[in-house]
Amino acid sequence: MTRINFILLTAFVLLYSCRSSGQINQPYSFNSDNLLHHVKELSSDAYEGRRTGTAGATKAKAYIIKQLELLEVIPLVPNLEQPFTFESRNKSYNGVNILGSIKGTEYPDKYIVLTAHYDHEGIKNGQIYNGADDDASGVSALFAFAESFKNNPPKHSVILAFFDAEELGLQGSKYFVDNSIVPITSIILNINMDMVSRNENQELYVTGIKSHSHLETAYTDRKITEGVTVIAGHDGTDGKQNWMFASDHAPFHLKKIPFLYFGVEDHEDYHQPTDVYENIHPEFYKNAVESIISMFYLIDAMTF
């Protein structure tokens, strides 16, 4: 075999193996079939809308913990569970955050917290509010991060935080930052994902870039992924709705911790029983998650 033929054969084998595995041979690679499967599962009727304190939320918690165990994510707290209680509308609730961790290879004492909320609206007037986009999509994106970390561990330590009770006033994220497991000063960034799986214009917004200039490089140098346009905005400077306090990144922001919030603009199924798996945009969703993960690795390469 000539040298040129050997090189061509080797390239063909590598290309074929990447395609047959369903994954891209890149640092941000993840299994897109798994990504869709987790959204479909968590937004199915079996979870009854995942309202905090209900049997559906308990079932969702068990599912998330099982996936983290399969992905060999290290518990940040015993059994991965951080329980908390709170009052809302003259009613007491018991919530549970789910917290896993990945130790950084170069900066183990500095943390990037990746977040999504697993609760939703539950059942109202006999209808299940499944919450596929809001926020089963963010939960599944966290699993995709964990998949990526198995072969490409982060330089900074990472906390994977699945928050409860976002829909009841950001209660899980408030409790997390007020009762931080790691020193609050060691948290260098929060990346929050809430509604990232559908948009008619293929637009994904990232809020926080304009408030944290040291993160602009990751935005400008990010990998351009076909099928999604990432736009910095919704930060109170562009005439659009201000999202600086719209989701679980808000308690981090109030603690003066830099954040990036990824999300799509509201759609017709927002907080409706029609927010179901069948209405997400699978290709856009996969592209959006790839874009977010690729930006993470650019940030992770920085020195803070």
C-alpha atoms as a PDB file:
ATOM      1  CA  MET A   1       0.000   0.000   0.000  1.00  0.00           C
ATOM      2  CA  THR A   2       1.369   3.387  -0.950  1.00  0.00           C
ATOM      3  CA  ARG A   3       1.656   6.136   1.662  1.00  0.00           C
ATOM      4  CA  ILE A   4      -1.032   8.244  -0.032  1.00  0.00           C
ATOM      5  CA  ASN A   5      -3.449   5.307  -0.144  1.00  0.00           C
ATOM      6  CA  PHE A   6      -2.807   4.574   3.523  1.00  0.00           C
ATOM      7  CA  ILE A   7      -3.578   8.176   4.469  1.00  0.00           C
ATOM      8  CA  LEU A   8      -6.776   8.168   2.439  1.00  0.00           C
ATOM      9  CA  LEU A   9      -7.890   4.870   3.951  1.00  0.00           C
ATOM     10  CA  THR A  10      -7.190   6.111   7.467  1.00  0.00           C
ATOM     11  CA  ALA A  11      -9.172   9.305   6.852  1.00  0.00           C
ATOM     12  CA  PHE A  12     -12.090   7.266   5.486  1.00  0.00           C
ATOM     13  CA  VAL A  13     -12.135   4.966   8.521  1.00  0.00           C
ATOM     14  CA  LEU A  14     -12.082   7.912  10.925  1.00  0.00           C
ATOM     15  CA  LEU A  15     -14.844   9.703   9.048  1.00  0.00           C
ATOM     16  CA  TYR A  16     -16.997   6.585   8.918  1.00  0.00           C
ATOM     17  CA  SER A  17     -16.548   5.838  12.617  1.00  0.00           C
ATOM     18  CA  CYS A  18     -17.626   9.373  13.543  1.00  0.00           C
ATOM     19  CA  ARG A  19     -20.718   9.202  11.369  1.00  0.00           C
ATOM     20  CA  SER A  20     -21.717   5.725  12.480  1.00  0.00           C
ATOM     21  CA  SER A  21     -21.547   6.723  16.152  1.00  0.00           C
ATOM     22  CA  GLY A  22     -23.969   9.595  15.655  1.00  0.00           C
ATOM     23  CA  GLN A  23     -21.523  12.010  17.226  1.00  0.00           C
ATOM     24  CA  ILE A  24     -19.244  14.758  15.970  1.00  0.00           C
ATOM     25  CA  ASN A  25     -15.588  14.269  16.825  1.00  0.00           C
ATOM     26  CA  GLN A  26     -15.288  17.614  18.574  1.00  0.00           C
ATOM     27  CA  PRO A  27     -14.785  18.668  22.203  1.00  0.00           C
ATOM     28  CA  TYR A  28     -18.477  19.601  22.421  1.00  0.00           C
ATOM     29  CA  SER A  29     -19.733  16.273  21.100  1.00  0.00           C
ATOM     30  CA  PHE A  30     -22.811  14.654  22.630  1.00  0.00           C
ATOM     31  CA  ASN A  31     -25.371  12.102  21.559  1.00  0.00           C
ATOM     32  CA  SER A  32     -28.214  13.963  19.858  1.00  0.00           C
ATOM     33  CA  ASP A  33     -30.533  10.956  20.114  1.00  0.00           C
ATOM     34  CA  ASN A  34     -30.113  10.996  23.881  1.00  0.00           C
ATOM     35  CA  LEU A  35     -30.755  14.742  23.912  1.00  0.00           C
ATOM     36  CA  LEU A  36     -34.154  14.270  22.282  1.00  0.00           C
ATOM     37  CA  HIS A  37     -34.995  11.164  24.278  1.00  0.00           C
ATOM     38  CA  HIS A  38     -34.597  12.929  27.637  1.00  0.00           C
ATOM     39  CA  VAL A  39     -36.850  15.815  26.583  1.00  0.00           C
ATOM     40  CA  LYS A  40     -39.501  13.418  25.327  1.00  0.00           C
ATOM     41  CA  GLU A  41     -39.369  11.389  28.517  1.00  0.00           C
ATOM     42  CA  LEU A  42     -39.455  14.247  31.029  1.00  0.00           C
ATOM     43  CA  SER A  43     -42.258  16.059  29.181  1.00  0.00           C
ATOM     44  CA  SER A  44     -44.445  12.968  28.884  1.00  0.00           C
ATOM     45  CA  ASP A  45     -47.753  12.743  30.741  1.00  0.00           C
ATOM     46  CA  ALA A  46     -46.196  10.253  33.158  1.00  0.00           C
ATOM     47  CA  TYR A  47     -44.498  13.172  34.949  1.00  0.00           C
ATOM     48  CA  GLU A  48     -47.735  15.145  35.353  1.00  0.00           C
ATOM     49  CA  GLY A  49     -46.123  18.499  34.630  1.00  0.00           C
ATOM     50  CA  ARG A  50     -43.395  18.149  37.304  1.00  0.00           C
ATOM     51  CA  ARG A  51     -44.887  20.697  39.716  1.00  0.00           C
ATOM     52  CA  THR A  52     -42.820  21.160  42.870  1.00  0.00           C
ATOM     53  CA  GLY A  53     -43.912  18.882  45.698  1.00  0.00           C
ATOM     54  CA  THR A  54     -45.940  16.493  43.550  1.00  0.00           C
ATOM     55  CA  ALA A  55     -45.472  12.854  42.624  1.00  0.00           C
ATOM     56  CA  GLY A  56     -44.534  13.967  39.112  1.00  0.00           C
ATOM     57  CA  ALA A  57     -41.684  16.101  40.450  1.00  0.00           C
ATOM     58  CA  THR A  58     -40.474  13.197  42.590  1.00  0.00           C
ATOM     59  CA  LYS A  59     -40.477  10.960  39.511  1.00  0.00           C
ATOM     60  CA  ALA A  60     -38.528  13.585  37.542  1.00  0.00           C
ATOM     61  CA  LYS A  61     -35.993  13.873  40.351  1.00  0.00           C
ATOM     62  CA  ALA A  62     -35.466  10.090  40.336  1.00  0.00           C
ATOM     63  CA  TYR A  63     -35.009  10.107  36.555  1.00  0.00           C
ATOM     64  CA  ILE A  64     -32.420  12.900  36.663  1.00  0.00           C
ATOM     65  CA  ILE A  65     -30.468  11.205  39.451  1.00  0.00           C
ATOM     66  CA  LYS A  66     -30.459   7.921  37.539  1.00  0.00           C
ATOM     67  CA  GLN A  67     -29.038   9.607  34.435  1.00  0.00           C
ATOM     68  CA  LEU A  68     -26.313  11.350  36.433  1.00  0.00           C
ATOM     69  CA  GLU A  69     -25.342   8.053  38.004  1.00  0.00           C
ATOM     70  CA  LEU A  70     -25.140   6.440  34.563  1.00  0.00           C
ATOM     71  CA  LEU A  71     -22.948   9.329  33.416  1.00  0.00           C
ATOM     72  CA  GLU A  72     -20.755   8.838  36.503  1.00  0.00           C
ATOM     73  CA  VAL A  73     -21.238  12.411  37.684  1.00  0.00           C
ATOM     74  CA  ILE A  74     -19.868  12.932  41.195  1.00  0.00           C
ATOM     75  CA  PRO A  75     -22.458  14.017  43.799  1.00  0.00           C
ATOM     76  CA  LEU A  76     -21.835  17.506  45.162  1.00  0.00           C
ATOM     77  CA  VAL A  77     -24.138  16.691  48.095  1.00  0.00           C
ATOM     78  CA  PRO A  78     -25.205  13.329  49.572  1.00  0.00           C
ATOM     79  CA  ASN A  79     -27.333  11.372  47.086  1.00  0.00           C
ATOM     80  CA  LEU A  80     -27.103  14.392  44.736  1.00  0.00           C
ATOM     81  CA  GLU A  81     -30.039  15.978  46.626  1.00  0.00           C
ATOM     82  CA  GLN A  82     -30.219  19.419  48.255  1.00  0.00           C
ATOM     83  CA  PRO A  83     -33.620  19.656  49.985  1.00  0.00           C
ATOM     84  CA  PHE A  84     -35.160  22.987  50.965  1.00  0.00           C
ATOM     85  CA  THR A  85     -38.471  24.397  52.147  1.00  0.00           C
ATOM     86  CA  PHE A  86     -40.218  27.663  51.338  1.00  0.00           C
ATOM     87  CA  GLU A  87     -43.540  29.487  51.482  1.00  0.00           C
ATOM     88  CA  SER A  88     -45.426  30.640  48.403  1.00  0.00           C
ATOM     89  CA  ARG A  89     -48.938  32.061  48.313  1.00  0.00           C
ATOM     90  CA  ASN A  90     -49.593  30.988  51.909  1.00  0.00           C
ATOM     91  CA  LYS A  91     -48.577  27.414  51.187  1.00  0.00           C
ATOM     92  CA  SER A  92     -45.516  25.487  52.360  1.00  0.00           C
ATOM     93  CA  TYR A  93     -43.471  23.540  49.839  1.00  0.00           C
ATOM     94  CA  ASN A  94     -40.667  21.013  49.994  1.00  0.00           C
ATOM     95  CA  GLY A  95     -38.279  21.349  47.064  1.00  0.00           C
ATOM     96  CA  VAL A  96     -35.164  19.431  46.047  1.00  0.00           C
ATOM     97  CA  ASN A  97     -32.238  20.683  43.976  1.00  0.00           C
ATOM     98  CA  ILE A  98     -30.101  18.028  42.290  1.00  0.00           C
ATOM     99  CA  LEU A  99     -26.385  18.825  42.343  1.00  0.00           C
ATOM    100  CA  GLY A 100     -23.553  16.987  40.617  1.00  0.00           C
ATOM    101  CA  SER A 101     -19.952  18.007  40.019  1.00  0.00           C
ATOM    102  CA  ILE A 102     -17.001  17.457  37.696  1.00  0.00           C
ATOM    103  CA  LYS A 103     -13.538  18.285  38.993  1.00  0.00           C
ATOM    104  CA  GLY A 104     -11.521  20.694  36.891  1.00  0.00           C
ATOM    105  CA  THR A 105      -8.230  19.496  35.463  1.00  0.00           C
ATOM    106  CA  GLU A 106      -6.380  22.811  35.947  1.00  0.00           C
ATOM    107  CA  TYR A 107      -8.477  25.013  38.244  1.00  0.00           C
ATOM    108  CA  PRO A 108     -10.275  22.622  40.616  1.00  0.00           C
ATOM    109  CA  ASP A 109     -11.012  25.356  43.165  1.00  0.00           C
ATOM    110  CA  LYS A 110     -12.869  27.603  40.718  1.00  0.00           C
ATOM    111  CA  TYR A 111     -16.391  26.698  39.635  1.00  0.00           C
ATOM    112  CA  ILE A 112     -18.654  27.246  36.655  1.00  0.00           C
ATOM    113  CA  VAL A 113     -22.248  26.437  37.599  1.00  0.00           C
ATOM    114  CA  LEU A 114     -24.421  25.089  34.771  1.00  0.00           C
ATOM    115  CA  THR A 115     -28.117  25.326  35.547  1.00  0.00           C
ATOM    116  CA  ALA A 116     -31.610  24.406  34.361  1.00  0.00           C
ATOM    117  CA  HIS A 117     -34.871  23.915  36.248  1.00  0.00           C
ATOM    118  CA  TYR A 118     -36.759  20.639  36.187  1.00  0.00           C
ATOM    119  CA  ASP A 119     -40.055  21.796  37.677  1.00  0.00           C
ATOM    120  CA  HIS A 120     -43.011  23.094  35.670  1.00  0.00           C
ATOM    121  CA  GLU A 121     -46.675  24.030  36.081  1.00  0.00           C
ATOM    122  CA  GLY A 122     -48.178  20.633  36.881  1.00  0.00           C
ATOM    123  CA  ILE A 123     -51.873  19.963  36.246  1.00  0.00           C
ATOM    124  CA  LYS A 124     -54.452  22.754  35.938  1.00  0.00           C
ATOM    125  CA  ASN A 125     -58.158  22.238  35.290  1.00  0.00           C
ATOM    126  CA  GLY A 126     -57.485  18.628  34.385  1.00  0.00           C
ATOM    127  CA  GLN A 127     -54.830  19.480  31.778  1.00  0.00           C
ATOM    128  CA  ILE A 128     -51.175  18.520  32.055  1.00  0.00           C
ATOM    129  CA  TYR A 129     -48.677  21.313  31.464  1.00  0.00           C
ATOM    130  CA  ASN A 130     -45.826  19.149  30.176  1.00  0.00           C
ATOM    131  CA  GLY A 131     -43.123  21.827  29.885  1.00  0.00           C
ATOM    132  CA  ALA A 132     -41.083  20.355  27.038  1.00  0.00           C
ATOM    133  CA  ASP A 133     -39.340  23.597  26.123  1.00  0.00           C
ATOM    134  CA  ASP A 134     -39.797  25.009  29.628  1.00  0.00           C
ATOM    135  CA  ASP A 135     -37.565  23.487  30.810  1.00  0.00           C
ATOM    136  CA  ALA A 136     -37.100  19.837  29.956  1.00  0.00           C
ATOM    137  CA  SER A 137     -34.974  21.228  27.126  1.00  0.00           C
ATOM    138  CA  GLY A 138     -32.517  22.808  29.569  1.00  0.00           C
ATOM    139  CA  VAL A 139     -32.403  19.690  31.738  1.00  0.00           C
ATOM    140  CA  SER A 140     -31.518  17.504  28.766  1.00  0.00           C
ATOM    141  CA  ALA A 141     -28.872  20.048  27.699  1.00  0.00           C
ATOM    142  CA  LEU A 142     -27.200  19.549  31.084  1.00  0.00           C
ATOM    143  CA  PHE A 143     -27.031  15.812  30.366  1.00  0.00           C
ATOM    144  CA  ALA A 144     -25.381  16.674  27.025  1.00  0.00           C
ATOM    145  CA  PHE A 145     -22.756  18.684  28.905  1.00  0.00           C
ATOM    146  CA  ALA A 146     -22.100  15.693  31.157  1.00  0.00           C
ATOM    147  CA  GLU A 147     -21.664  13.466  28.090  1.00  0.00           C
ATOM    148  CA  SER A 148     -19.168  15.916  26.620  1.00  0.00           C
ATOM    149  CA  PHE A 149     -17.190  16.067  29.862  1.00  0.00           C
ATOM    150  CA  LYS A 150     -16.603  12.304  29.893  1.00  0.00           C
ATOM    151  CA  ASN A 151     -14.146  12.577  26.996  1.00  0.00           C
ATOM    152  CA  ASN A 152     -13.262  16.265  27.339  1.00  0.00           C
ATOM    153  CA  PRO A 153     -13.060  17.170  31.034  1.00  0.00           C
ATOM    154  CA  PRO A 154     -13.273  20.882  31.847  1.00  0.00           C
ATOM    155  CA  LYS A 155     -10.319  22.916  33.078  1.00  0.00           C
ATOM    156  CA  HIS A 156     -12.453  24.584  35.770  1.00  0.00           C
ATOM    157  CA  SER A 157     -14.595  22.548  38.106  1.00  0.00           C
ATOM    158  CA  VAL A 158     -18.224  22.391  37.049  1.00  0.00           C
ATOM    159  CA  ILE A 159     -21.402  22.082  39.095  1.00  0.00           C
ATOM    160  CA  LEU A 160     -24.417  20.667  37.279  1.00  0.00           C
ATOM    161  CA  ALA A 161     -27.407  22.143  39.090  1.00  0.00           C
ATOM    162  CA  PHE A 162     -30.947  20.992  38.329  1.00  0.00           C
ATOM    163  CA  PHE A 163     -33.101  23.481  40.201  1.00  0.00           C
ATOM    164  CA  ASP A 164     -36.552  22.931  41.628  1.00  0.00           C
ATOM    165  CA  ALA A 165     -39.289  25.557  42.108  1.00  0.00           C
ATOM    166  CA  GLU A 166     -38.210  28.033  39.430  1.00  0.00           C
ATOM    167  CA  GLU A 167     -41.860  28.473  38.511  1.00  0.00           C
ATOM    168  CA  LEU A 168     -42.665  29.426  42.106  1.00  0.00           C
ATOM    169  CA  GLY A 169     -40.261  32.350  42.262  1.00  0.00           C
ATOM    170  CA  LEU A 170     -36.756  30.984  41.553  1.00  0.00           C
ATOM    171  CA  GLN A 171     -36.787  29.287  44.936  1.00  0.00           C
ATOM    172  CA  GLY A 172     -34.285  26.537  44.168  1.00  0.00           C
ATOM    173  CA  SER A 173     -31.637  28.850  42.755  1.00  0.00           C
ATOM    174  CA  LYS A 174     -32.155  31.328  45.604  1.00  0.00           C
ATOM    175  CA  TYR A 175     -31.570  28.576  48.114  1.00  0.00           C
ATOM    176  CA  PHE A 176     -28.492  27.370  46.245  1.00  0.00           C
ATOM    177  CA  VAL A 177     -26.682  30.714  46.278  1.00  0.00           C
ATOM    178  CA  ASP A 178     -27.754  31.500  49.849  1.00  0.00           C
ATOM    179  CA  ASN A 179     -26.509  28.104  51.054  1.00  0.00           C
ATOM    180  CA  SER A 180     -23.629  27.514  48.696  1.00  0.00           C
ATOM    181  CA  ILE A 181     -21.906  24.149  49.040  1.00  0.00           C
ATOM    182  CA  VAL A 182     -18.656  25.662  47.745  1.00  0.00           C
ATOM    183  CA  PRO A 183     -17.347  29.109  48.745  1.00  0.00           C
ATOM    184  CA  ILE A 184     -19.522  31.616  46.898  1.00  0.00           C
ATOM    185  CA  THR A 185     -16.403  33.575  45.931  1.00  0.00           C
ATOM    186  CA  SER A 186     -15.084  30.516  44.071  1.00  0.00           C
ATOM    187  CA  ILE A 187     -18.016  30.559  41.621  1.00  0.00           C
ATOM    188  CA  ILE A 188     -16.740  32.438  38.577  1.00  0.00           C
ATOM    189  CA  LEU A 189     -19.719  32.018  36.250  1.00  0.00           C
ATOM    190  CA  ASN A 190     -23.277  30.745  35.934  1.00  0.00           C
ATOM    191  CA  ILE A 191     -24.551  29.463  32.591  1.00  0.00           C
ATOM    192  CA  ASN A 192     -28.324  29.061  32.732  1.00  0.00           C
ATOM    193  CA  MET A 193     -30.479  27.366  30.089  1.00  0.00           C
ATOM    194  CA  ASP A 194     -34.232  27.862  30.165  1.00  0.00           C
ATOM    195  CA  MET A 195     -36.242  27.226  26.961  1.00  0.00           C
ATOM    196  CA  VAL A 196     -33.680  26.401  24.271  1.00  0.00           C
ATOM    197  CA  SER A 197     -35.469  23.944  21.962  1.00  0.00           C
ATOM    198  CA  ARG A 198     -37.644  25.927  19.531  1.00  0.00           C
ATOM    199  CA  ASN A 199     -37.796  29.136  17.557  1.00  0.00           C
ATOM    200  CA  GLU A 200     -39.392  29.831  14.187  1.00  0.00           C
ATOM    201  CA  ASN A 201     -36.533  32.148  13.205  1.00  0.00           C
ATOM    202  CA  GLN A 202     -33.824  29.783  14.489  1.00  0.00           C
ATOM    203  CA  GLU A 203     -32.715  32.443  16.999  1.00  0.00           C
ATOM    204  CA  LEU A 204     -31.210  31.733  20.394  1.00  0.00           C
ATOM    205  CA  TYR A 205     -30.552  34.675  22.687  1.00  0.00           C
ATOM    206  CA  VAL A 206     -27.761  34.953  25.222  1.00  0.00           C
ATOM    207  CA  THR A 207     -28.238  37.524  27.963  1.00  0.00           C
ATOM    208  CA  GLY A 208     -25.293  38.715  30.044  1.00  0.00           C
ATOM    209  CA  ILE A 209     -22.652  39.223  27.364  1.00  0.00           C
ATOM    210  CA  LYS A 210     -22.977  43.002  27.391  1.00  0.00           C
ATOM    211  CA  SER A 211     -22.760  43.112  31.185  1.00  0.00           C
ATOM    212  CA  HIS A 212     -19.601  41.042  31.381  1.00  0.00           C
ATOM    213  CA  SER A 213     -17.094  42.293  28.838  1.00  0.00           C
ATOM    214  CA  HIS A 214     -14.559  39.555  29.605  1.00  0.00           C
ATOM    215  CA  LEU A 215     -17.019  37.043  28.097  1.00  0.00           C
ATOM    216  CA  GLU A 216     -17.357  38.879  24.789  1.00  0.00           C
ATOM    217  CA  THR A 217     -14.438  36.949  23.286  1.00  0.00           C
ATOM    218  CA  ALA A 218     -16.291  33.671  23.732  1.00  0.00           C
ATOM    219  CA  TYR A 219     -19.274  35.166  21.943  1.00  0.00           C
ATOM    220  CA  THR A 220     -17.332  36.664  19.038  1.00  0.00           C
ATOM    221  CA  ASP A 221     -15.036  33.638  18.624  1.00  0.00           C
ATOM    222  CA  ARG A 222     -17.733  30.992  19.056  1.00  0.00           C
ATOM    223  CA  LYS A 223     -18.178  28.237  16.512  1.00  0.00           C
ATOM    224  CA  ILE A 224     -20.841  29.246  13.984  1.00  0.00           C
ATOM    225  CA  THR A 225     -23.343  26.400  13.801  1.00  0.00           C
ATOM    226  CA  GLU A 226     -25.726  26.113  10.872  1.00  0.00           C
ATOM    227  CA  GLY A 227     -29.376  26.193  11.814  1.00  0.00           C
ATOM    228  CA  VAL A 228     -29.068  28.563  14.773  1.00  0.00           C
ATOM    229  CA  THR A 229     -28.263  32.254  15.160  1.00  0.00           C
ATOM    230  CA  VAL A 230     -26.971  33.195  18.610  1.00  0.00           C
ATOM    231  CA  ILE A 231     -27.799  36.809  19.461  1.00  0.00           C
ATOM    232  CA  ALA A 232     -26.530  38.789  22.448  1.00  0.00           C
ATOM    233  CA  GLY A 233     -29.446  40.743  23.839  1.00  0.00           C
ATOM    234  CA  HIS A 234     -32.537  41.014  26.048  1.00  0.00           C
ATOM    235  CA  ASP A 235     -30.342  42.782  28.585  1.00  0.00           C
ATOM    236  CA  GLY A 236     -32.139  46.107  28.857  1.00  0.00           C
ATOM    237  CA  THR A 237     -30.087  47.857  26.176  1.00  0.00           C
ATOM    238  CA  ASP A 238     -31.720  46.710  22.931  1.00  0.00           C
ATOM    239  CA  GLY A 239     -35.353  47.745  23.343  1.00  0.00           C
ATOM    240  CA  LYS A 240     -36.426  44.141  23.912  1.00  0.00           C
ATOM    241  CA  GLN A 241     -37.857  42.552  27.034  1.00  0.00           C
ATOM    242  CA  ASN A 242     -35.251  42.598  29.788  1.00  0.00           C
ATOM    243  CA  TRP A 243     -34.279  39.063  30.840  1.00  0.00           C
ATOM    244  CA  MET A 244     -31.630  39.963  33.422  1.00  0.00           C
ATOM    245  CA  PHE A 245     -33.894  38.622  36.198  1.00  0.00           C
ATOM    246  CA  ALA A 246     -36.088  36.282  34.156  1.00  0.00           C
ATOM    247  CA  SER A 247     -34.879  32.878  35.333  1.00  0.00           C
ATOM    248  CA  ASP A 248     -32.516  31.046  37.674  1.00  0.00           C
ATOM    249  CA  HIS A 249     -29.519  33.183  36.734  1.00  0.00           C
ATOM    250  CA  ALA A 250     -31.070  36.091  38.668  1.00  0.00           C
ATOM    251  CA  PRO A 251     -29.928  35.010  42.173  1.00  0.00           C
ATOM    252  CA  PHE A 252     -26.371  34.651  40.827  1.00  0.00           C
ATOM    253  CA  HIS A 253     -26.615  38.106  39.282  1.00  0.00           C
ATOM    254  CA  LEU A 254     -27.766  39.555  42.611  1.00  0.00           C
ATOM    255  CA  LYS A 255     -24.686  38.012  44.236  1.00  0.00           C
ATOM    256  CA  LYS A 256     -22.585  39.769  41.551  1.00  0.00           C
ATOM    257  CA  ILE A 257     -21.604  36.467  39.964  1.00  0.00           C
ATOM    258  CA  PRO A 258     -21.238  36.782  36.161  1.00  0.00           C
ATOM    259  CA  PHE A 259     -23.839  34.860  34.186  1.00  0.00           C
ATOM    260  CA  LEU A 260     -24.925  33.906  30.703  1.00  0.00           C
ATOM    261  CA  TYR A 261     -28.562  33.051  30.144  1.00  0.00           C
ATOM    262  CA  PHE A 262     -29.489  31.144  26.992  1.00  0.00           C
ATOM    263  CA  GLY A 263     -33.124  31.100  25.896  1.00  0.00           C
ATOM    264  CA  VAL A 264     -35.579  31.651  23.079  1.00  0.00           C
ATOM    265  CA  GLU A 265     -38.246  34.309  22.909  1.00  0.00           C
ATOM    266  CA  ASP A 266     -41.714  33.368  24.158  1.00  0.00           C
ATOM    267  CA  HIS A 267     -43.809  31.288  21.772  1.00  0.00           C
ATOM    268  CA  GLU A 268     -47.505  30.485  21.598  1.00  0.00           C
ATOM    269  CA  ASP A 269     -47.106  27.412  23.814  1.00  0.00           C
ATOM    270  CA  TYR A 270     -45.251  29.174  26.634  1.00  0.00           C
ATOM    271  CA  HIS A 271     -46.887  28.126  29.935  1.00  0.00           C
ATOM    272  CA  GLN A 272     -49.616  26.326  28.017  1.00  0.00           C
ATOM    273  CA  PRO A 273     -50.567  22.629  28.001  1.00  0.00           C
ATOM    274  CA  THR A 274     -49.411  22.592  24.365  1.00  0.00           C
ATOM    275  CA  ASP A 275     -45.733  22.918  25.353  1.00  0.00           C
ATOM    276  CA  VAL A 276     -45.167  19.281  24.398  1.00  0.00           C
ATOM    277  CA  TYR A 277     -42.364  17.314  22.802  1.00  0.00           C
ATOM    278  CA  GLU A 278     -44.079  17.281  19.408  1.00  0.00           C
ATOM    279  CA  ASN A 279     -43.811  21.075  19.228  1.00  0.00           C
ATOM    280  CA  ILE A 280     -40.078  21.452  19.790  1.00  0.00           C
ATOM    281  CA  HIS A 281     -37.765  21.925  16.802  1.00  0.00           C
ATOM    282  CA  PRO A 282     -35.310  19.001  16.991  1.00  0.00           C
ATOM    283  CA  GLU A 283     -32.682  20.266  14.547  1.00  0.00           C
ATOM    284  CA  PHE A 284     -32.696  23.770  15.985  1.00  0.00           C
ATOM    285  CA  TYR A 285     -32.468  22.297  19.483  1.00  0.00           C
ATOM    286  CA  LYS A 286     -29.453  20.131  18.677  1.00  0.00           C
ATOM    287  CA  ASN A 287     -27.728  23.068  17.008  1.00  0.00           C
ATOM    288  CA  ALA A 288     -28.517  25.349  19.942  1.00  0.00           C
ATOM    289  CA  VAL A 289     -27.031  22.938  22.483  1.00  0.00           C
ATOM    290  CA  GLU A 290     -23.943  22.475  20.327  1.00  0.00           C
ATOM    291  CA  SER A 291     -23.506  26.265  20.214  1.00  0.00           C
ATOM    292  CA  ILE A 292     -23.852  26.609  23.984  1.00  0.00           C
ATOM    293  CA  ILE A 293     -21.379  23.837  24.719  1.00  0.00           C
ATOM    294  CA  SER A 294     -18.849  25.196  22.238  1.00  0.00           C
ATOM    295  CA  MET A 295     -19.051  28.609  23.929  1.00  0.00           C
ATOM    296  CA  PHE A 296     -18.533  26.938  27.289  1.00  0.00           C
ATOM    297  CA  TYR A 297     -15.230  25.447  26.155  1.00  0.00           C
ATOM    298  CA  LEU A 298     -14.009  28.852  24.958  1.00  0.00           C
ATOM    299  CA  ILE A 299     -14.822  30.323  28.365  1.00  0.00           C
ATOM    300  CA  ASP A 300     -13.339  27.353  30.192  1.00  0.00           C
ATOM    301  CA  ALA A 301     -10.033  27.994  28.401  1.00  0.00           C
ATOM    302  CA  MET A 302      -9.845  31.491  29.934  1.00  0.00           C
ATOM    303  CA  THR A 303      -7.972  32.380  33.100  1.00  0.00           C
ATOM    304  CA  PHE A 304     -10.131  34.018  35.776  1.00  0.00           C
END
